[in-house]
Structure formats: C-alpha cells, structure tokens
Full PDB file with SEQRES, HELIX, SHEET, SSBOND, CRYST1, ORIGX, SCALE, CONECT and MASTER records, all heavy atoms in Angstrom:
SEQRES   1 A   40  SER GLU ASN GLU GLU LEU LEU ASN LEU GLU GLU VAL GLY          
SEQRES   2 A   40  ASN SER LYS SER ALA ILE LEU HIS ILE LEU SER LEU MET          
SEQRES   3 A   40  ASP SER ALA LYS ILE ASN GLU LYS ALA MET LYS PHE TYR          
SEQRES   4 A   40  ASN                                                          
HELIX    1 AA1 GLU A    4  VAL A   12  1                                   9    
HELIX    2 AA2 LYS A   16  TYR A   39  1                                  24    
CRYST1    1.000    1.000    1.000  90.00  90.00  90.00 P 1           1          
ORIGX1      1.000000  0.000000  0.000000        0.00000                         
ORIGX2      0.000000  1.000000  0.000000        0.00000                         
ORIGX3      0.000000  0.000000  1.000000        0.00000                         
SCALE1      1.000000  0.000000  0.000000        0.00000                         
SCALE2      0.000000  1.000000  0.000000        0.00000                         
SCALE3      0.000000  0.000000  1.000000        0.00000                         
ATOM      1  N   SER A   1     -15.976 -19.387   4.504  1.00  0.00           N  
ATOM      2  CA  SER A   1     -16.523 -19.630   5.852  1.00  0.00           C  
ATOM      3  C   SER A   1     -15.724 -20.659   6.645  1.00  0.00           C  
ATOM      4  O   SER A   1     -15.953 -20.811   7.840  1.00  0.00           O  
ATOM      5  CB  SER A   1     -17.986 -20.048   5.780  1.00  0.00           C  
ATOM      6  OG  SER A   1     -18.105 -21.250   5.063  1.00  0.00           O  
ATOM      7  N   GLU A   2     -14.780 -21.350   6.026  1.00  0.00           N  
ATOM      8  CA  GLU A   2     -13.932 -22.302   6.716  1.00  0.00           C  
ATOM      9  C   GLU A   2     -12.681 -21.648   7.318  1.00  0.00           C  
ATOM     10  O   GLU A   2     -11.928 -22.304   8.040  1.00  0.00           O  
ATOM     11  CB  GLU A   2     -13.498 -23.419   5.766  1.00  0.00           C  
ATOM     12  CG  GLU A   2     -14.661 -24.205   5.179  1.00  0.00           C  
ATOM     13  CD  GLU A   2     -15.435 -24.967   6.244  1.00  0.00           C  
ATOM     14  OE1 GLU A   2     -14.796 -25.540   7.143  1.00  0.00           O  
ATOM     15  OE2 GLU A   2     -16.690 -24.975   6.178  1.00  0.00           O  
ATOM     16  N   ASN A   3     -12.461 -20.380   6.997  1.00  0.00           N  
ATOM     17  CA  ASN A   3     -11.273 -19.664   7.479  1.00  0.00           C  
ATOM     18  C   ASN A   3     -11.400 -19.370   8.969  1.00  0.00           C  
ATOM     19  O   ASN A   3     -12.282 -18.580   9.370  1.00  0.00           O  
ATOM     20  CB  ASN A   3     -11.095 -18.383   6.678  1.00  0.00           C  
ATOM     21  CG  ASN A   3      -9.823 -17.666   6.997  1.00  0.00           C  
ATOM     22  OD1 ASN A   3      -9.454 -17.521   8.165  1.00  0.00           O  
ATOM     23  ND2 ASN A   3      -9.165 -17.169   5.972  1.00  0.00           N  
ATOM     24  N   GLU A   4     -10.545 -19.989   9.781  1.00  0.00           N  
ATOM     25  CA  GLU A   4     -10.652 -19.843  11.220  1.00  0.00           C  
ATOM     26  C   GLU A   4     -10.380 -18.424  11.706  1.00  0.00           C  
ATOM     27  O   GLU A   4     -10.985 -17.956  12.679  1.00  0.00           O  
ATOM     28  CB  GLU A   4      -9.710 -20.815  11.905  1.00  0.00           C  
ATOM     29  CG  GLU A   4     -10.193 -22.239  11.811  1.00  0.00           C  
ATOM     30  CD  GLU A   4      -9.320 -23.191  12.623  1.00  0.00           C  
ATOM     31  OE1 GLU A   4      -8.874 -22.795  13.723  1.00  0.00           O  
ATOM     32  OE2 GLU A   4      -9.103 -24.299  12.167  1.00  0.00           O  
ATOM     33  N   GLU A   5      -9.466 -17.735  11.049  1.00  0.00           N  
ATOM     34  CA  GLU A   5      -9.152 -16.364  11.451  1.00  0.00           C  
ATOM     35  C   GLU A   5     -10.343 -15.437  11.225  1.00  0.00           C  
ATOM     36  O   GLU A   5     -10.668 -14.605  12.052  1.00  0.00           O  
ATOM     37  CB  GLU A   5      -7.906 -15.848  10.706  1.00  0.00           C  
ATOM     38  CG  GLU A   5      -6.657 -16.600  10.985  1.00  0.00           C  
ATOM     39  CD  GLU A   5      -6.269 -16.645  12.456  1.00  0.00           C  
ATOM     40  OE1 GLU A   5      -6.729 -15.826  13.243  1.00  0.00           O  
ATOM     41  OE2 GLU A   5      -5.465 -17.537  12.803  1.00  0.00           O  
ATOM     42  N   LEU A   6     -11.021 -15.603  10.088  1.00  0.00           N  
ATOM     43  CA  LEU A   6     -12.223 -14.789   9.830  1.00  0.00           C  
ATOM     44  C   LEU A   6     -13.319 -15.148  10.818  1.00  0.00           C  
ATOM     45  O   LEU A   6     -14.026 -14.244  11.295  1.00  0.00           O  
ATOM     46  CB  LEU A   6     -12.668 -14.993   8.389  1.00  0.00           C  
ATOM     47  CG  LEU A   6     -11.726 -14.460   7.318  1.00  0.00           C  
ATOM     48  CD1 LEU A   6     -12.242 -14.840   5.915  1.00  0.00           C  
ATOM     49  CD2 LEU A   6     -11.550 -12.960   7.415  1.00  0.00           C  
ATOM     50  N   LEU A   7     -13.461 -16.394  11.133  1.00  0.00           N  
ATOM     51  CA  LEU A   7     -14.448 -16.838  12.126  1.00  0.00           C  
ATOM     52  C   LEU A   7     -14.166 -16.182  13.474  1.00  0.00           C  
ATOM     53  O   LEU A   7     -15.063 -15.674  14.143  1.00  0.00           O  
ATOM     54  CB  LEU A   7     -14.467 -18.360  12.254  1.00  0.00           C  
ATOM     55  CG  LEU A   7     -15.425 -18.921  13.293  1.00  0.00           C  
ATOM     56  CD1 LEU A   7     -16.859 -18.536  13.010  1.00  0.00           C  
ATOM     57  CD2 LEU A   7     -15.292 -20.444  13.376  1.00  0.00           C  
ATOM     58  N   ASN A   8     -12.880 -16.189  13.877  1.00  0.00           N  
ATOM     59  CA  ASN A   8     -12.484 -15.539  15.138  1.00  0.00           C  
ATOM     60  C   ASN A   8     -12.862 -14.054  15.119  1.00  0.00           C  
ATOM     61  O   ASN A   8     -13.358 -13.530  16.110  1.00  0.00           O  
ATOM     62  CB  ASN A   8     -11.007 -15.723  15.407  1.00  0.00           C  
ATOM     63  CG  ASN A   8     -10.631 -17.134  15.736  1.00  0.00           C  
ATOM     64  OD1 ASN A   8     -11.457 -17.915  16.192  1.00  0.00           O  
ATOM     65  ND2 ASN A   8      -9.371 -17.463  15.529  1.00  0.00           N  
ATOM     66  N   LEU A   9     -12.599 -13.395  14.001  1.00  0.00           N  
ATOM     67  CA  LEU A   9     -12.920 -11.971  13.908  1.00  0.00           C  
ATOM     68  C   LEU A   9     -14.430 -11.742  13.949  1.00  0.00           C  
ATOM     69  O   LEU A   9     -14.896 -10.778  14.549  1.00  0.00           O  
ATOM     70  CB  LEU A   9     -12.326 -11.376  12.631  1.00  0.00           C  
ATOM     71  CG  LEU A   9     -10.812 -11.229  12.634  1.00  0.00           C  
ATOM     72  CD1 LEU A   9     -10.320 -10.836  11.247  1.00  0.00           C  
ATOM     73  CD2 LEU A   9     -10.374 -10.187  13.669  1.00  0.00           C  
ATOM     74  N   GLU A  10     -15.203 -12.629  13.335  1.00  0.00           N  
ATOM     75  CA  GLU A  10     -16.653 -12.522  13.385  1.00  0.00           C  
ATOM     76  C   GLU A  10     -17.146 -12.630  14.821  1.00  0.00           C  
ATOM     77  O   GLU A  10     -18.037 -11.925  15.252  1.00  0.00           O  
ATOM     78  CB  GLU A  10     -17.332 -13.616  12.502  1.00  0.00           C  
ATOM     79  CG  GLU A  10     -17.303 -13.333  11.044  1.00  0.00           C  
ATOM     80  CD  GLU A  10     -18.377 -12.333  10.610  1.00  0.00           C  
ATOM     81  OE1 GLU A  10     -19.283 -12.043  11.376  1.00  0.00           O  
ATOM     82  OE2 GLU A  10     -18.240 -11.832   9.482  1.00  0.00           O  
ATOM     83  N   GLU A  11     -16.537 -13.542  15.569  1.00  0.00           N  
ATOM     84  CA  GLU A  11     -16.951 -13.755  16.953  1.00  0.00           C  
ATOM     85  C   GLU A  11     -16.563 -12.591  17.861  1.00  0.00           C  
ATOM     86  O   GLU A  11     -17.278 -12.247  18.776  1.00  0.00           O  
ATOM     87  CB  GLU A  11     -16.328 -15.039  17.493  1.00  0.00           C  
ATOM     88  CG  GLU A  11     -16.938 -16.281  16.867  1.00  0.00           C  
ATOM     89  CD  GLU A  11     -16.237 -17.544  17.266  1.00  0.00           C  
ATOM     90  OE1 GLU A  11     -15.165 -17.486  17.890  1.00  0.00           O  
ATOM     91  OE2 GLU A  11     -16.752 -18.629  16.926  1.00  0.00           O  
ATOM     92  N   VAL A  12     -15.441 -11.965  17.592  1.00  0.00           N  
ATOM     93  CA  VAL A  12     -14.979 -10.841  18.405  1.00  0.00           C  
ATOM     94  C   VAL A  12     -15.865  -9.624  18.182  1.00  0.00           C  
ATOM     95  O   VAL A  12     -16.194  -8.884  19.092  1.00  0.00           O  
ATOM     96  CB  VAL A  12     -13.502 -10.492  18.096  1.00  0.00           C  
ATOM     97  CG1 VAL A  12     -13.066  -9.221  18.763  1.00  0.00           C  
ATOM     98  CG2 VAL A  12     -12.590 -11.645  18.527  1.00  0.00           C  
ATOM     99  N   GLY A  13     -16.269  -9.416  16.918  1.00  0.00           N  
ATOM    100  CA  GLY A  13     -17.130  -8.284  16.604  1.00  0.00           C  
ATOM    101  C   GLY A  13     -16.348  -6.990  16.419  1.00  0.00           C  
ATOM    102  O   GLY A  13     -15.162  -7.001  16.168  1.00  0.00           O  
ATOM    103  N   ASN A  14     -17.065  -5.883  16.574  1.00  0.00           N  
ATOM    104  CA  ASN A  14     -16.449  -4.574  16.390  1.00  0.00           C  
ATOM    105  C   ASN A  14     -15.910  -4.045  17.706  1.00  0.00           C  
ATOM    106  O   ASN A  14     -16.605  -3.441  18.476  1.00  0.00           O  
ATOM    107  CB  ASN A  14     -17.501  -3.567  15.866  1.00  0.00           C  
ATOM    108  CG  ASN A  14     -17.976  -3.960  14.485  1.00  0.00           C  
ATOM    109  OD1 ASN A  14     -17.373  -4.776  13.821  1.00  0.00           O  
ATOM    110  ND2 ASN A  14     -19.080  -3.363  14.051  1.00  0.00           N  
ATOM    111  N   SER A  15     -14.655  -4.357  17.957  1.00  0.00           N  
ATOM    112  CA  SER A  15     -14.061  -3.934  19.196  1.00  0.00           C  
ATOM    113  C   SER A  15     -12.581  -3.735  19.038  1.00  0.00           C  
ATOM    114  O   SER A  15     -11.992  -4.085  18.006  1.00  0.00           O  
ATOM    115  CB  SER A  15     -14.339  -4.971  20.287  1.00  0.00           C  
ATOM    116  OG  SER A  15     -13.636  -6.143  19.979  1.00  0.00           O  
ATOM    117  N   LYS A  16     -11.972  -3.208  20.070  1.00  0.00           N  
ATOM    118  CA  LYS A  16     -10.519  -3.063  20.042  1.00  0.00           C  
ATOM    119  C   LYS A  16      -9.851  -4.388  19.987  1.00  0.00           C  
ATOM    120  O   LYS A  16      -8.749  -4.540  19.405  1.00  0.00           O  
ATOM    121  CB  LYS A  16     -10.068  -2.268  21.281  1.00  0.00           C  
ATOM    122  CG  LYS A  16     -10.490  -0.828  21.247  1.00  0.00           C  
ATOM    123  CD  LYS A  16     -10.027  -0.098  22.467  1.00  0.00           C  
ATOM    124  CE  LYS A  16     -10.530   1.332  22.422  1.00  0.00           C  
ATOM    125  NZ  LYS A  16     -10.155   2.094  23.623  1.00  0.00           N  
ATOM    126  N   SER A  17     -10.469  -5.414  20.511  1.00  0.00           N  
ATOM    127  CA  SER A  17      -9.897  -6.757  20.429  1.00  0.00           C  
ATOM    128  C   SER A  17      -9.759  -7.233  18.997  1.00  0.00           C  
ATOM    129  O   SER A  17      -8.784  -7.876  18.619  1.00  0.00           O  
ATOM    130  CB  SER A  17     -10.765  -7.758  21.211  1.00  0.00           C  
ATOM    131  OG  SER A  17     -10.780  -7.462  22.570  1.00  0.00           O  
ATOM    132  N   ALA A  18     -10.750  -6.929  18.167  1.00  0.00           N  
ATOM    133  CA  ALA A  18     -10.680  -7.260  16.741  1.00  0.00           C  
ATOM    134  C   ALA A  18      -9.526  -6.549  16.075  1.00  0.00           C  
ATOM    135  O   ALA A  18      -8.800  -7.146  15.288  1.00  0.00           O  
ATOM    136  CB  ALA A  18     -12.005  -6.920  16.053  1.00  0.00           C  
ATOM    137  N   ILE A  19      -9.347  -5.297  16.408  1.00  0.00           N  
ATOM    138  CA  ILE A  19      -8.252  -4.493  15.823  1.00  0.00           C  
ATOM    139  C   ILE A  19      -6.930  -5.098  16.209  1.00  0.00           C  
ATOM    140  O   ILE A  19      -6.039  -5.309  15.357  1.00  0.00           O  
ATOM    141  CB  ILE A  19      -8.346  -3.026  16.287  1.00  0.00           C  
ATOM    142  CG1 ILE A  19      -9.633  -2.365  15.774  1.00  0.00           C  
ATOM    143  CG2 ILE A  19      -7.127  -2.236  15.807  1.00  0.00           C  
ATOM    144  CD1 ILE A  19      -9.833  -2.349  14.284  1.00  0.00           C  
ATOM    145  N   LEU A  20      -6.759  -5.419  17.482  1.00  0.00           N  
ATOM    146  CA  LEU A  20      -5.511  -6.004  17.948  1.00  0.00           C  
ATOM    147  C   LEU A  20      -5.252  -7.357  17.300  1.00  0.00           C  
ATOM    148  O   LEU A  20      -4.126  -7.696  16.934  1.00  0.00           O  
ATOM    149  CB  LEU A  20      -5.518  -6.133  19.456  1.00  0.00           C  
ATOM    150  CG  LEU A  20      -5.484  -4.819  20.230  1.00  0.00           C  
ATOM    151  CD1 LEU A  20      -5.644  -5.083  21.721  1.00  0.00           C  
ATOM    152  CD2 LEU A  20      -4.192  -4.058  19.961  1.00  0.00           C  
ATOM    153  N   HIS A  21      -6.313  -8.119  17.101  1.00  0.00           N  
ATOM    154  CA  HIS A  21      -6.182  -9.436  16.464  1.00  0.00           C  
ATOM    155  C   HIS A  21      -5.712  -9.292  15.017  1.00  0.00           C  
ATOM    156  O   HIS A  21      -4.827 -10.028  14.572  1.00  0.00           O  
ATOM    157  CB  HIS A  21      -7.518 -10.193  16.552  1.00  0.00           C  
ATOM    158  CG  HIS A  21      -7.413 -11.609  16.100  1.00  0.00           C  
ATOM    159  ND1 HIS A  21      -6.720 -12.568  16.797  1.00  0.00           N  
ATOM    160  CD2 HIS A  21      -7.899 -12.227  14.995  1.00  0.00           C  
ATOM    161  CE1 HIS A  21      -6.800 -13.713  16.151  1.00  0.00           C  
ATOM    162  NE2 HIS A  21      -7.498 -13.531  15.059  1.00  0.00           N  
ATOM    163  N   ILE A  22      -6.276  -8.372  14.303  1.00  0.00           N  
ATOM    164  CA  ILE A  22      -5.890  -8.140  12.902  1.00  0.00           C  
ATOM    165  C   ILE A  22      -4.447  -7.698  12.845  1.00  0.00           C  
ATOM    166  O   ILE A  22      -3.660  -8.194  12.006  1.00  0.00           O  
ATOM    167  CB  ILE A  22      -6.798  -7.096  12.228  1.00  0.00           C  
ATOM    168  CG1 ILE A  22      -8.206  -7.643  12.086  1.00  0.00           C  
ATOM    169  CG2 ILE A  22      -6.241  -6.674  10.864  1.00  0.00           C  
ATOM    170  CD1 ILE A  22      -9.246  -6.595  11.721  1.00  0.00           C  
ATOM    171  N   LEU A  23      -4.037  -6.773  13.702  1.00  0.00           N  
ATOM    172  CA  LEU A  23      -2.662  -6.310  13.704  1.00  0.00           C  
ATOM    173  C   LEU A  23      -1.709  -7.456  13.999  1.00  0.00           C  
ATOM    174  O   LEU A  23      -0.634  -7.549  13.372  1.00  0.00           O  
ATOM    175  CB  LEU A  23      -2.481  -5.173  14.704  1.00  0.00           C  
ATOM    176  CG  LEU A  23      -3.272  -3.883  14.408  1.00  0.00           C  
ATOM    177  CD1 LEU A  23      -3.123  -2.898  15.551  1.00  0.00           C  
ATOM    178  CD2 LEU A  23      -2.815  -3.271  13.106  1.00  0.00           C  
ATOM    179  N   SER A  24      -2.109  -8.314  14.918  1.00  0.00           N  
ATOM    180  CA  SER A  24      -1.270  -9.472  15.258  1.00  0.00           C  
ATOM    181  C   SER A  24      -1.132 -10.413  14.083  1.00  0.00           C  
ATOM    182  O   SER A  24      -0.043 -10.921  13.774  1.00  0.00           O  
ATOM    183  CB  SER A  24      -1.856 -10.166  16.447  1.00  0.00           C  
ATOM    184  OG  SER A  24      -1.191 -11.363  16.714  1.00  0.00           O  
ATOM    185  N   LEU A  25      -2.245 -10.682  13.404  1.00  0.00           N  
ATOM    186  CA  LEU A  25      -2.229 -11.578  12.234  1.00  0.00           C  
ATOM    187  C   LEU A  25      -1.302 -11.064  11.140  1.00  0.00           C  
ATOM    188  O   LEU A  25      -0.505 -11.800  10.573  1.00  0.00           O  
ATOM    189  CB  LEU A  25      -3.637 -11.761  11.668  1.00  0.00           C  
ATOM    190  CG  LEU A  25      -4.614 -12.564  12.456  1.00  0.00           C  
ATOM    191  CD1 LEU A  25      -6.002 -12.479  11.813  1.00  0.00           C  
ATOM    192  CD2 LEU A  25      -4.141 -14.013  12.511  1.00  0.00           C  
ATOM    193  N   MET A  26      -1.431  -9.779  10.848  1.00  0.00           N  
ATOM    194  CA  MET A  26      -0.628  -9.188   9.775  1.00  0.00           C  
ATOM    195  C   MET A  26       0.850  -9.149  10.166  1.00  0.00           C  
ATOM    196  O   MET A  26       1.722  -9.344   9.346  1.00  0.00           O  
ATOM    197  CB  MET A  26      -1.147  -7.817   9.390  1.00  0.00           C  
ATOM    198  CG  MET A  26      -2.556  -7.843   8.818  1.00  0.00           C  
ATOM    199  SD  MET A  26      -2.750  -8.992   7.409  1.00  0.00           S  
ATOM    200  CE  MET A  26      -1.871  -8.107   6.131  1.00  0.00           C  
ATOM    201  N   ASP A  27       1.123  -8.901  11.437  1.00  0.00           N  
ATOM    202  CA  ASP A  27       2.490  -8.868  11.900  1.00  0.00           C  
ATOM    203  C   ASP A  27       3.127 -10.274  11.777  1.00  0.00           C  
ATOM    204  O   ASP A  27       4.245 -10.405  11.330  1.00  0.00           O  
ATOM    205  CB  ASP A  27       2.564  -8.369  13.351  1.00  0.00           C  
ATOM    206  CG  ASP A  27       3.971  -8.048  13.761  1.00  0.00           C  
ATOM    207  OD1 ASP A  27       4.694  -7.389  12.981  1.00  0.00           O  
ATOM    208  OD2 ASP A  27       4.363  -8.441  14.873  1.00  0.00           O  
ATOM    209  N   SER A  28       2.385 -11.295  12.141  1.00  0.00           N  
ATOM    210  CA  SER A  28       2.919 -12.642  12.029  1.00  0.00           C  
ATOM    211  C   SER A  28       3.088 -13.046  10.573  1.00  0.00           C  
ATOM    212  O   SER A  28       4.011 -13.792  10.216  1.00  0.00           O  
ATOM    213  CB  SER A  28       2.052 -13.636  12.767  1.00  0.00           C  
ATOM    214  OG  SER A  28       0.806 -13.785  12.186  1.00  0.00           O  
ATOM    215  N   ALA A  29       2.245 -12.531   9.693  1.00  0.00           N  
ATOM    216  CA  ALA A  29       2.365 -12.817   8.265  1.00  0.00           C  
ATOM    217  C   ALA A  29       3.677 -12.210   7.747  1.00  0.00           C  
ATOM    218  O   ALA A  29       4.365 -12.803   6.925  1.00  0.00           O  
ATOM    219  CB  ALA A  29       1.169 -12.294   7.503  1.00  0.00           C  
ATOM    220  N   LYS A  30       4.002 -11.017   8.207  1.00  0.00           N  
ATOM    221  CA  LYS A  30       5.253 -10.380   7.772  1.00  0.00           C  
ATOM    222  C   LYS A  30       6.444 -11.173   8.259  1.00  0.00           C  
ATOM    223  O   LYS A  30       7.422 -11.324   7.543  1.00  0.00           O  
ATOM    224  CB  LYS A  30       5.326  -8.949   8.327  1.00  0.00           C  
ATOM    225  CG  LYS A  30       4.369  -7.997   7.685  1.00  0.00           C  
ATOM    226  CD  LYS A  30       4.468  -6.635   8.336  1.00  0.00           C  
ATOM    227  CE  LYS A  30       3.362  -5.731   7.881  1.00  0.00           C  
ATOM    228  NZ  LYS A  30       3.360  -4.471   8.647  1.00  0.00           N  
ATOM    229  N   ILE A  31       6.385 -11.655   9.486  1.00  0.00           N  
ATOM    230  CA  ILE A  31       7.472 -12.441  10.043  1.00  0.00           C  
ATOM    231  C   ILE A  31       7.641 -13.717   9.223  1.00  0.00           C  
ATOM    232  O   ILE A  31       8.749 -14.106   8.878  1.00  0.00           O  
ATOM    233  CB  ILE A  31       7.236 -12.748  11.531  1.00  0.00           C  
ATOM    234  CG1 ILE A  31       7.346 -11.462  12.324  1.00  0.00           C  
ATOM    235  CG2 ILE A  31       8.214 -13.811  12.022  1.00  0.00           C  
ATOM    236  CD1 ILE A  31       6.887 -11.581  13.775  1.00  0.00           C  
ATOM    237  N   ASN A  32       6.540 -14.410   8.896  1.00  0.00           N  
ATOM    238  CA  ASN A  32       6.618 -15.621   8.126  1.00  0.00           C  
ATOM    239  C   ASN A  32       7.187 -15.367   6.736  1.00  0.00           C  
ATOM    240  O   ASN A  32       7.959 -16.165   6.235  1.00  0.00           O  
ATOM    241  CB  ASN A  32       5.229 -16.263   8.010  1.00  0.00           C  
ATOM    242  CG  ASN A  32       4.733 -16.813   9.314  1.00  0.00           C  
ATOM    243  OD1 ASN A  32       5.518 -17.110  10.201  1.00  0.00           O  
ATOM    244  ND2 ASN A  32       3.434 -16.971   9.440  1.00  0.00           N  
ATOM    245  N   GLU A  33       6.814 -14.232   6.129  1.00  0.00           N  
ATOM    246  CA  GLU A  33       7.320 -13.898   4.801  1.00  0.00           C  
ATOM    247  C   GLU A  33       8.853 -13.686   4.855  1.00  0.00           C  
ATOM    248  O   GLU A  33       9.589 -14.167   4.018  1.00  0.00           O  
ATOM    249  CB  GLU A  33       6.647 -12.623   4.286  1.00  0.00           C  
ATOM    250  CG  GLU A  33       7.136 -12.172   2.938  1.00  0.00           C  
ATOM    251  CD  GLU A  33       6.478 -10.886   2.489  1.00  0.00           C  
ATOM    252  OE1 GLU A  33       5.366 -10.589   2.911  1.00  0.00           O  
ATOM    253  OE2 GLU A  33       7.106 -10.155   1.724  1.00  0.00           O  
ATOM    254  N   LYS A  34       9.311 -12.975   5.891  1.00  0.00           N  
ATOM    255  CA  LYS A  34      10.749 -12.759   6.040  1.00  0.00           C  
ATOM    256  C   LYS A  34      11.478 -14.055   6.274  1.00  0.00           C  
ATOM    257  O   LYS A  34      12.568 -14.274   5.731  1.00  0.00           O  
ATOM    258  CB  LYS A  34      11.024 -11.767   7.200  1.00  0.00           C  
ATOM    259  CG  LYS A  34      10.647 -10.364   6.889  1.00  0.00           C  
ATOM    260  CD  LYS A  34      10.913  -9.458   8.072  1.00  0.00           C  
ATOM    261  CE  LYS A  34      10.448  -8.040   7.792  1.00  0.00           C  
ATOM    262  NZ  LYS A  34      10.658  -7.154   8.950  1.00  0.00           N  
ATOM    263  N   ALA A  35      10.921 -14.943   7.059  1.00  0.00           N  
ATOM    264  CA  ALA A  35      11.532 -16.228   7.342  1.00  0.00           C  
ATOM    265  C   ALA A  35      11.647 -17.036   6.066  1.00  0.00           C  
ATOM    266  O   ALA A  35      12.682 -17.695   5.801  1.00  0.00           O  
ATOM    267  CB  ALA A  35      10.758 -16.992   8.399  1.00  0.00           C  
ATOM    268  N   MET A  36      10.613 -17.044   5.244  1.00  0.00           N  
ATOM    269  CA  MET A  36      10.643 -17.804   4.001  1.00  0.00           C  
ATOM    270  C   MET A  36      11.719 -17.251   3.054  1.00  0.00           C  
ATOM    271  O   MET A  36      12.420 -18.030   2.423  1.00  0.00           O  
ATOM    272  CB  MET A  36       9.259 -17.774   3.316  1.00  0.00           C  
ATOM    273  CG  MET A  36       8.213 -18.543   4.089  1.00  0.00           C  
ATOM    274  SD  MET A  36       8.646 -20.281   4.356  1.00  0.00           S  
ATOM    275  CE  MET A  36       8.586 -20.893   2.708  1.00  0.00           C  
ATOM    276  N   LYS A  37      11.856 -15.962   2.979  1.00  0.00           N  
ATOM    277  CA  LYS A  37      12.905 -15.386   2.099  1.00  0.00           C  
ATOM    278  C   LYS A  37      14.277 -15.795   2.617  1.00  0.00           C  
ATOM    279  O   LYS A  37      15.195 -16.075   1.851  1.00  0.00           O  
ATOM    280  CB  LYS A  37      12.767 -13.850   2.074  1.00  0.00           C  
ATOM    281  CG  LYS A  37      11.615 -13.386   1.230  1.00  0.00           C  
ATOM    282  CD  LYS A  37      11.519 -11.880   1.211  1.00  0.00           C  
ATOM    283  CE  LYS A  37      10.328 -11.446   0.426  1.00  0.00           C  
ATOM    284  NZ  LYS A  37      10.168  -9.980   0.430  1.00  0.00           N  
ATOM    285  N   PHE A  38      14.454 -15.813   3.940  1.00  0.00           N  
ATOM    286  CA  PHE A  38      15.743 -16.173   4.528  1.00  0.00           C  
ATOM    287  C   PHE A  38      16.078 -17.618   4.174  1.00  0.00           C  
ATOM    288  O   PHE A  38      17.181 -17.915   3.755  1.00  0.00           O  
ATOM    289  CB  PHE A  38      15.684 -15.998   6.035  1.00  0.00           C  
ATOM    290  CG  PHE A  38      16.937 -16.489   6.719  1.00  0.00           C  
ATOM    291  CD1 PHE A  38      18.078 -15.744   6.713  1.00  0.00           C  
ATOM    292  CD2 PHE A  38      16.928 -17.693   7.404  1.00  0.00           C  
ATOM    293  CE1 PHE A  38      19.246 -16.201   7.328  1.00  0.00           C  
ATOM    294  CE2 PHE A  38      18.073 -18.157   8.033  1.00  0.00           C  
ATOM    295  CZ  PHE A  38      19.227 -17.407   8.000  1.00  0.00           C  
ATOM    296  N   TYR A  39      15.114 -18.528   4.303  1.00  0.00           N  
ATOM    297  CA  TYR A  39      15.389 -19.928   4.069  1.00  0.00           C  
ATOM    298  C   TYR A  39      15.503 -20.267   2.566  1.00  0.00           C  
ATOM    299  O   TYR A  39      16.118 -21.269   2.218  1.00  0.00           O  
ATOM    300  CB  TYR A  39      14.276 -20.820   4.690  1.00  0.00           C  
ATOM    301  CG  TYR A  39      14.404 -20.847   6.213  1.00  0.00           C  
ATOM    302  CD1 TYR A  39      13.387 -20.303   6.988  1.00  0.00           C  
ATOM    303  CD2 TYR A  39      15.487 -21.394   6.838  1.00  0.00           C  
ATOM    304  CE1 TYR A  39      13.477 -20.345   8.376  1.00  0.00           C  
ATOM    305  CE2 TYR A  39      15.612 -21.402   8.211  1.00  0.00           C  
ATOM    306  CZ  TYR A  39      14.579 -20.877   8.981  1.00  0.00           C  
ATOM    307  OH  TYR A  39      14.704 -20.916  10.328  1.00  0.00           O  
ATOM    308  N   ASN A  40      14.922 -19.440   1.734  1.00  0.00           N  
ATOM    309  CA  ASN A  40      14.999 -19.690   0.282  1.00  0.00           C  
ATOM    310  C   ASN A  40      16.260 -19.150  -0.346  1.00  0.00           C  
ATOM    311  O   ASN A  40      16.548 -19.465  -1.496  1.00  0.00           O  
ATOM    312  CB  ASN A  40      13.776 -19.105  -0.426  1.00  0.00           C  
ATOM    313  CG  ASN A  40      12.521 -19.902  -0.135  1.00  0.00           C  
ATOM    314  OD1 ASN A  40      12.574 -21.100   0.105  1.00  0.00           O  
ATOM    315  ND2 ASN A  40      11.373 -19.239  -0.127  1.00  0.00           N  
TER     316      ASN A  40                                                      
MASTER        0    0    0    2    0    0    0    6  315    1    0    4          
END                                                                             
C-alpha cells in the first residue's frame, strides 16, 4: 500500500488513462534497464 504507482492506478480506476499510465511505467522500466546494462 506504500507503492505510489499502485496508488496512482487505484485513483485513476478503470479507464484508458490507467492503461496509458501502465504502458508508460513499463516503457520507462525498459529504458532504465537498458541504461543500467550500458553503464555496467
């Protein structure tokens, strides 16, 4: 319940906004993973 991203999704509810938010989160996670591999 302390996870801010999950809280944001709970507040958005069942909508296209929630879908877009999830896609954005996962896309940024992929970018962060690629950056970490580059720097390591």
